[in-house]
């Protein structure tokens, strides 16, 4: 890929937007379509046309080589395909979601207002790890040799053994592509890269390897380690934070026990924006303190929160501040809107819309699977779902599914969700490490709304008036990413399922308990 590019995308009559491509125009039309779906929030199937310079009219786009920086593209929706558009950052729609039939009462909370334009900063990644790794175009002489070797392989099955210099060039280019998605790929992701390489260039397949690419995988691991060292030496924050040179006196491990992203964070510890220093961003933070007190000032707050994102991440990850102190320094973060925006900056995934959509999608199956559990836990789950019979509102159903899920995983719902009457003493909330509180009015009917719902972290009430329990759990999940909090040991399976099954983040490797549940959820589903 070449340097960064921007394209004008026409989505419909009187509806167009700018598409930012930090890593240049993709190599294939399908990759470009995925980027349009992600950034422009376009769903459904479509084809594209580009404005041809020679004929001054729109022609069908069959190859991305036909377009250049600042070109104009038109989205042509396939008849019968649904489409929505929004000029804001929106992550890729998971492939397995495309043909789902959603419940008619699914309440998908709008994410357009909460997602930030992370692509506006070149230091931030814009995409999670792709389903199919895009092998880049190598340097000219390497591509020429590979094309000839691929032709020989197709004609007579001759495998190609690249020279050490050529192999190094290939690995260096692959490492440069990998770092666009993450600095610390997993073992499975190294497999995906090596497999994609020999799939695109079959002449590179290894004859003595069971997979055909195990040698490439091992070499790639060494190359990535060297590549990280190179980036660390030039001051890359995401890697510098792990350097033993930064350890404090008496430490024998990495500073603050920080190692690397563990929960599919795309932008874990980004560099400061170009032209900014710690001092200049501190001035932005001080300015933000006054802006957040003004009415109808959400847009200004949003811009300043985006600008100070990297500064805030460094503070969270390196200093590990107490929640009370951090809330004083960054009060703007502690709102539903900004928790969603921060989560999107970190993961590129919308928070509440994805959480509610997935929870509702799995609800019907969960309500069949969870009550099958035997013993005391099974009886507790049946008692929880009895509330749905009294009040089948979607908020009640979501809350019951979440509580029953916790019981099914052999954990205690009260460790996450505490319910109080409005007349009760709530002093124990001050001893709560992390959780959601729900306040009911004394004598209220099951169909009545809750008086208040909020979140407590380290005994500090960080948010309230969240409406319902499911919404509060979603926001709490977002705060755990925003504040880089570890999952509580007494709720580790619950949060694993929320992360990997509900939010589909880093969902390739699950614990046995979570994998068994996931298998049951997809029984009978295509």
Foldseek 3Di string as FASTA:
>chain_A
DDAKAKEWEAEDVVDIEIQTGRRADDFAPVVVVQSCCFQFVWAWDWFKWWQQPVVRHTDGDGGSVRDHGHTYMYTGHDPPTDTDTDRGGGAGDDPVCRPFDFDPPQDQDDQRLQAHRLSVFSQFARYACDPQQDQDDFPDVLNVVLVVLLVCCVVPNAADDDDPVSLLRSLLSLLVSVVSHPLDDDLVVLVRSQLNVCVVRVSQFDPPDPSRRVVVSVVSVVSSVVVLVVVCVVPFFQSVQQDPVPDDPPDDGRAVPDDHDDWRWRCQQTDQGPPDDLVRLLVLLVVLVVQVPDPPRVVVNSVSCSNCLNVLSCCLRRVVDDPVVVCVSCVVCLDLSNLQHSLCSTNVHGFRSLLSRLLSSLLVLLVVPLCVDDDPLNVVLVVLCVLCVQPVPPLSSSVSSLQSVCSSLVFHVCLAEAEEEPPDDPQCLQVRQWYKYWYAHPPDDSHDWTPKIFIGHNSDTRGMRQGGDSSRVRSSLSVCSSSVNDDDPRCVLSNQCSSCVRNVTPNPDDDPSSVVVSVSSCVPPD
